[in-house]
Amino acid sequence: MFRRTFWFTAGAATGVWATLKTQHVLRSLSPESLAATAANKAIATGRRAVIFAKDVRAAMAEREGQLNDALGLTSREQAAELPGQRVKLLLEQKAGATLQHRKTRSNDRKEDH
């Protein structure tokens, strides 16, 4: 009699466990759950991409400093001796001059009225 009770209880427990496990799997495969999982993974991937970009920028700045030190280019004017940086410096100076010219012209107009 005890053997029958033991096996009946073991079978019932196995059935309950299998039912719960099946319901869990079905819930995890529902469209809402899949969408939430995909959204969470996309957010996590975006965060990792931002961290990677920050690391790359920091490494680029560090390496640029090393190269400037190796070439003896420490100040901004000396660094502008490289071709690409010379163009950048000229554009920045031109933009600054244009901005200053616009401010001067706008002040002149205000005084005329």
N, C-alpha and C. Protein backbone atom coordinates (compact mmCIF):
# COMPACT_ATOMS: atom_id res chain seq x y z
N MET A 1 0.81 -1.19 0.00
CA MET A 1 0.00 0.00 0.00
C MET A 1 0.86 1.26 0.00
N PHE A 2 1.95 1.23 0.80
CA PHE A 2 2.83 2.39 0.85
C PHE A 2 3.56 2.59 -0.48
N ARG A 3 3.85 1.48 -1.15
CA ARG A 3 4.51 1.60 -2.43
C ARG A 3 3.60 2.30 -3.43
N ARG A 4 2.35 1.95 -3.43
CA ARG A 4 1.41 2.59 -4.35
C ARG A 4 1.27 4.08 -4.04
N THR A 5 1.20 4.42 -2.76
CA THR A 5 1.08 5.82 -2.36
C THR A 5 2.33 6.59 -2.77
N PHE A 6 3.51 5.98 -2.55
CA PHE A 6 4.76 6.63 -2.93
C PHE A 6 4.79 6.92 -4.42
N TRP A 7 4.47 5.93 -5.25
CA TRP A 7 4.54 6.12 -6.70
C TRP A 7 3.45 7.06 -7.21
N PHE A 8 2.28 7.03 -6.56
CA PHE A 8 1.23 7.97 -6.93
C PHE A 8 1.69 9.40 -6.63
N THR A 9 2.30 9.64 -5.47
CA THR A 9 2.77 10.96 -5.08
C THR A 9 3.92 11.40 -6.00
N ALA A 10 4.83 10.49 -6.31
CA ALA A 10 5.95 10.82 -7.20
C ALA A 10 5.42 11.18 -8.59
N GLY A 11 4.45 10.47 -9.08
CA GLY A 11 3.87 10.77 -10.39
C GLY A 11 3.15 12.10 -10.40
N ALA A 12 2.40 12.38 -9.33
CA ALA A 12 1.68 13.65 -9.24
C ALA A 12 2.67 14.82 -9.19
N ALA A 13 3.72 14.67 -8.41
CA ALA A 13 4.74 15.73 -8.30
C ALA A 13 5.43 15.96 -9.63
N THR A 14 5.73 14.91 -10.35
CA THR A 14 6.36 15.03 -11.66
C THR A 14 5.41 15.72 -12.64
N GLY A 15 4.15 15.38 -12.58
CA GLY A 15 3.16 16.01 -13.45
C GLY A 15 3.03 17.50 -13.17
N VAL A 16 3.01 17.88 -11.89
CA VAL A 16 2.93 19.30 -11.52
C VAL A 16 4.17 20.03 -12.00
N TRP A 17 5.36 19.43 -11.77
CA TRP A 17 6.61 20.06 -12.19
C TRP A 17 6.63 20.25 -13.71
N ALA A 18 6.24 19.21 -14.47
CA ALA A 18 6.25 19.29 -15.94
C ALA A 18 5.25 20.34 -16.42
N THR A 19 4.10 20.44 -15.77
CA THR A 19 3.10 21.43 -16.16
C THR A 19 3.62 22.84 -15.94
N LEU A 20 4.21 23.08 -14.77
CA LEU A 20 4.76 24.40 -14.46
C LEU A 20 5.90 24.77 -15.41
N LYS A 21 6.76 23.82 -15.69
CA LYS A 21 7.89 24.06 -16.61
C LYS A 21 7.37 24.39 -18.01
N THR A 22 6.36 23.68 -18.47
CA THR A 22 5.79 23.92 -19.79
C THR A 22 5.14 25.31 -19.86
N GLN A 23 4.42 25.68 -18.80
CA GLN A 23 3.79 27.01 -18.78
C GLN A 23 4.86 28.12 -18.80
N HIS A 24 5.96 27.90 -18.08
CA HIS A 24 7.04 28.88 -18.06
C HIS A 24 7.63 29.06 -19.47
N VAL A 25 7.87 27.95 -20.15
CA VAL A 25 8.45 28.01 -21.50
C VAL A 25 7.47 28.69 -22.46
N LEU A 26 6.18 28.37 -22.35
CA LEU A 26 5.20 28.99 -23.23
C LEU A 26 5.10 30.49 -22.98
N ARG A 27 5.17 30.91 -21.71
CA ARG A 27 5.14 32.34 -21.41
C ARG A 27 6.38 33.04 -21.97
N SER A 28 7.53 32.38 -21.90
CA SER A 28 8.76 33.02 -22.40
C SER A 28 8.78 33.11 -23.92
N LEU A 29 7.97 32.30 -24.60
CA LEU A 29 7.92 32.32 -26.06
C LEU A 29 6.74 33.14 -26.59
N SER A 30 6.02 33.82 -25.72
CA SER A 30 4.91 34.65 -26.18
C SER A 30 5.46 35.88 -26.90
N PRO A 31 4.69 36.48 -27.79
CA PRO A 31 5.17 37.66 -28.54
C PRO A 31 5.58 38.82 -27.62
N GLU A 32 4.82 39.06 -26.55
CA GLU A 32 5.16 40.16 -25.64
C GLU A 32 6.50 39.92 -24.97
N SER A 33 6.72 38.67 -24.53
CA SER A 33 7.97 38.34 -23.86
C SER A 33 9.16 38.43 -24.82
N LEU A 34 8.96 37.96 -26.04
CA LEU A 34 10.04 38.04 -27.04
C LEU A 34 10.37 39.49 -27.37
N ALA A 35 9.34 40.34 -27.47
CA ALA A 35 9.57 41.76 -27.75
C ALA A 35 10.31 42.43 -26.61
N ALA A 36 9.93 42.11 -25.37
CA ALA A 36 10.61 42.70 -24.22
C ALA A 36 12.06 42.24 -24.16
N THR A 37 12.31 40.99 -24.44
CA THR A 37 13.67 40.47 -24.43
C THR A 37 14.51 41.15 -25.51
N ALA A 38 13.94 41.30 -26.69
CA ALA A 38 14.67 41.95 -27.79
C ALA A 38 14.96 43.41 -27.44
N ALA A 39 14.00 44.10 -26.84
CA ALA A 39 14.22 45.50 -26.46
C ALA A 39 15.32 45.62 -25.41
N ASN A 40 15.30 44.74 -24.43
CA ASN A 40 16.33 44.77 -23.38
C ASN A 40 17.72 44.51 -23.97
N LYS A 41 17.80 43.57 -24.89
CA LYS A 41 19.10 43.27 -25.51
C LYS A 41 19.57 44.43 -26.38
N ALA A 42 18.64 45.11 -27.05
CA ALA A 42 19.02 46.26 -27.88
C ALA A 42 19.54 47.40 -27.00
N ILE A 43 18.91 47.63 -25.88
CA ILE A 43 19.37 48.67 -24.95
C ILE A 43 20.75 48.33 -24.41
N ALA A 44 20.94 47.08 -24.04
CA ALA A 44 22.25 46.66 -23.52
C ALA A 44 23.33 46.80 -24.60
N THR A 45 23.00 46.46 -25.84
CA THR A 45 23.96 46.60 -26.93
C THR A 45 24.30 48.07 -27.16
N GLY A 46 23.31 48.94 -27.10
CA GLY A 46 23.56 50.38 -27.24
C GLY A 46 24.48 50.90 -26.15
N ARG A 47 24.27 50.46 -24.92
CA ARG A 47 25.14 50.89 -23.82
C ARG A 47 26.58 50.42 -24.05
N ARG A 48 26.71 49.16 -24.50
CA ARG A 48 28.06 48.66 -24.77
C ARG A 48 28.72 49.43 -25.91
N ALA A 49 27.94 49.83 -26.92
CA ALA A 49 28.49 50.62 -28.03
C ALA A 49 28.95 51.99 -27.56
N VAL A 50 28.21 52.62 -26.67
CA VAL A 50 28.60 53.93 -26.14
C VAL A 50 29.89 53.80 -25.34
N ILE A 51 29.98 52.78 -24.51
CA ILE A 51 31.20 52.56 -23.72
C ILE A 51 32.38 52.32 -24.64
N PHE A 52 32.17 51.52 -25.70
CA PHE A 52 33.24 51.25 -26.65
C PHE A 52 33.69 52.54 -27.33
N ALA A 53 32.75 53.38 -27.75
CA ALA A 53 33.09 54.64 -28.42
C ALA A 53 33.89 55.55 -27.48
N LYS A 54 33.50 55.61 -26.21
CA LYS A 54 34.26 56.42 -25.24
C LYS A 54 35.67 55.89 -25.07
N ASP A 55 35.81 54.57 -25.01
CA ASP A 55 37.15 53.97 -24.89
C ASP A 55 38.00 54.29 -26.11
N VAL A 56 37.40 54.22 -27.29
CA VAL A 56 38.14 54.51 -28.52
C VAL A 56 38.59 55.97 -28.53
N ARG A 57 37.69 56.89 -28.14
CA ARG A 57 38.06 58.31 -28.12
C ARG A 57 39.19 58.58 -27.13
N ALA A 58 39.12 57.94 -25.97
CA ALA A 58 40.17 58.13 -24.97
C ALA A 58 41.51 57.59 -25.48
N ALA A 59 41.46 56.43 -26.11
CA ALA A 59 42.70 55.85 -26.64
C ALA A 59 43.25 56.70 -27.79
N MET A 60 42.35 57.27 -28.62
CA MET A 60 42.81 58.13 -29.71
C MET A 60 43.49 59.38 -29.16
N ALA A 61 42.90 59.97 -28.13
CA ALA A 61 43.49 61.18 -27.54
C ALA A 61 44.84 60.86 -26.91
N GLU A 62 44.91 59.72 -26.23
CA GLU A 62 46.17 59.32 -25.61
C GLU A 62 47.25 59.09 -26.67
N ARG A 63 46.88 58.38 -27.73
CA ARG A 63 47.85 58.10 -28.80
C ARG A 63 48.26 59.38 -29.51
N GLU A 64 47.32 60.31 -29.72
CA GLU A 64 47.65 61.58 -30.35
C GLU A 64 48.65 62.35 -29.49
N GLY A 65 48.46 62.31 -28.18
CA GLY A 65 49.41 62.96 -27.28
C GLY A 65 50.78 62.32 -27.36
N GLN A 66 50.82 61.00 -27.44
CA GLN A 66 52.09 60.29 -27.57
C GLN A 66 52.80 60.67 -28.87
N LEU A 67 52.04 60.72 -29.96
CA LEU A 67 52.63 61.07 -31.25
C LEU A 67 53.11 62.53 -31.25
N ASN A 68 52.32 63.43 -30.67
CA ASN A 68 52.75 64.83 -30.59
C ASN A 68 54.03 64.96 -29.77
N ASP A 69 54.13 64.23 -28.66
CA ASP A 69 55.34 64.26 -27.86
C ASP A 69 56.53 63.70 -28.64
N ALA A 70 56.29 62.61 -29.38
CA ALA A 70 57.36 61.99 -30.15
C ALA A 70 57.84 62.90 -31.27
N LEU A 71 56.93 63.68 -31.84
CA LEU A 71 57.30 64.59 -32.92
C LEU A 71 57.72 65.96 -32.41
N GLY A 72 57.59 66.16 -31.12
CA GLY A 72 57.97 67.45 -30.55
C GLY A 72 56.93 68.52 -30.78
N LEU A 73 55.72 68.13 -31.02
CA LEU A 73 54.63 69.08 -31.25
C LEU A 73 53.79 69.15 -29.98
N THR A 74 54.02 70.18 -29.18
CA THR A 74 53.31 70.24 -27.91
C THR A 74 52.22 71.30 -27.91
N SER A 75 52.46 72.44 -28.53
CA SER A 75 51.43 73.48 -28.53
C SER A 75 50.53 73.33 -29.74
N ARG A 76 49.41 74.06 -29.73
CA ARG A 76 48.45 73.96 -30.82
C ARG A 76 49.03 74.49 -32.13
N GLU A 77 49.79 75.57 -32.04
CA GLU A 77 50.37 76.14 -33.26
C GLU A 77 51.40 75.18 -33.86
N GLN A 78 52.19 74.54 -33.01
CA GLN A 78 53.17 73.59 -33.53
C GLN A 78 52.48 72.37 -34.12
N ALA A 79 51.39 71.93 -33.50
CA ALA A 79 50.67 70.78 -34.01
C ALA A 79 50.04 71.10 -35.37
N ALA A 80 49.79 72.36 -35.63
CA ALA A 80 49.18 72.75 -36.91
C ALA A 80 50.16 72.63 -38.06
N GLU A 81 51.40 72.30 -37.78
CA GLU A 81 52.38 72.11 -38.84
C GLU A 81 52.09 70.86 -39.66
N LEU A 82 51.30 69.95 -39.13
CA LEU A 82 50.93 68.78 -39.91
C LEU A 82 49.86 69.20 -40.92
N PRO A 83 49.85 68.65 -42.14
CA PRO A 83 48.97 69.14 -43.19
C PRO A 83 47.48 69.16 -42.82
N GLY A 84 46.96 68.08 -42.28
CA GLY A 84 45.54 68.03 -41.96
C GLY A 84 45.18 69.00 -40.86
N GLN A 85 46.06 69.15 -39.90
CA GLN A 85 45.77 70.04 -38.79
C GLN A 85 45.92 71.50 -39.19
N ARG A 86 46.77 71.77 -40.16
CA ARG A 86 46.93 73.14 -40.63
C ARG A 86 45.62 73.63 -41.25
N VAL A 87 45.00 72.78 -42.04
CA VAL A 87 43.72 73.14 -42.65
C VAL A 87 42.67 73.34 -41.57
N LYS A 88 42.66 72.46 -40.58
CA LYS A 88 41.69 72.58 -39.50
C LYS A 88 41.87 73.90 -38.75
N LEU A 89 43.12 74.26 -38.45
CA LEU A 89 43.40 75.50 -37.73
C LEU A 89 42.97 76.71 -38.56
N LEU A 90 43.24 76.67 -39.86
CA LEU A 90 42.82 77.78 -40.73
C LEU A 90 41.30 77.93 -40.76
N LEU A 91 40.60 76.81 -40.83
CA LEU A 91 39.14 76.87 -40.83
C LEU A 91 38.61 77.41 -39.51
N GLU A 92 39.23 77.00 -38.40
CA GLU A 92 38.79 77.51 -37.10
C GLU A 92 39.03 79.01 -37.00
N GLN A 93 40.19 79.46 -37.49
CA GLN A 93 40.49 80.89 -37.45
C GLN A 93 39.51 81.67 -38.33
N LYS A 94 39.21 81.12 -39.50
CA LYS A 94 38.27 81.78 -40.41
C LYS A 94 36.88 81.85 -39.80
N ALA A 95 36.45 80.76 -39.15
CA ALA A 95 35.14 80.74 -38.51
C ALA A 95 35.10 81.75 -37.37
N GLY A 96 36.17 81.85 -36.60
CA GLY A 96 36.23 82.83 -35.52
C GLY A 96 36.19 84.25 -36.05
N ALA A 97 36.89 84.51 -37.15
CA ALA A 97 36.90 85.84 -37.74
C ALA A 97 35.52 86.19 -38.30
N THR A 98 34.86 85.22 -38.92
CA THR A 98 33.52 85.45 -39.45
C THR A 98 32.55 85.76 -38.33
N LEU A 99 32.65 85.01 -37.24
CA LEU A 99 31.77 85.24 -36.10
C LEU A 99 32.01 86.62 -35.51
N GLN A 100 33.27 87.01 -35.39
CA GLN A 100 33.60 88.33 -34.85
C GLN A 100 33.08 89.43 -35.78
N HIS A 101 33.21 89.22 -37.10
CA HIS A 101 32.74 90.19 -38.07
C HIS A 101 31.21 90.35 -37.97
N ARG A 102 30.49 89.25 -37.80
CA ARG A 102 29.04 89.30 -37.67
C ARG A 102 28.63 90.06 -36.41
N LYS A 103 29.35 89.82 -35.31
CA LYS A 103 29.03 90.53 -34.07
C LYS A 103 29.25 92.03 -34.24
N THR A 104 30.34 92.39 -34.91
CA THR A 104 30.66 93.80 -35.12
C THR A 104 29.59 94.44 -35.99
N ARG A 105 29.19 93.76 -37.07
CA ARG A 105 28.17 94.30 -37.96
C ARG A 105 26.84 94.44 -37.25
N SER A 106 26.47 93.50 -36.41
CA SER A 106 25.19 93.60 -35.72
C SER A 106 25.22 94.73 -34.72
N ASN A 107 26.37 94.96 -34.09
CA ASN A 107 26.49 96.10 -33.15
C ASN A 107 26.42 97.41 -33.90
N ASP A 108 27.00 97.48 -35.09
CA ASP A 108 26.97 98.69 -35.89
C ASP A 108 25.53 99.03 -36.28
N ARG A 109 24.75 98.03 -36.63
CA ARG A 109 23.37 98.27 -37.03
C ARG A 109 22.56 98.80 -35.88
N LYS A 110 22.82 98.30 -34.68
CA LYS A 110 22.07 98.76 -33.52
C LYS A 110 22.37 100.24 -33.22
N GLU A 111 23.60 100.63 -33.45
CA GLU A 111 23.98 102.02 -33.18
C GLU A 111 23.40 102.96 -34.22
N ASP A 112 23.17 102.50 -35.44
CA ASP A 112 22.63 103.35 -36.51
C ASP A 112 21.19 103.74 -36.24
N HIS A 113 20.45 102.96 -35.55
CA HIS A 113 19.02 103.24 -35.36
C HIS A 113 18.79 104.13 -34.24
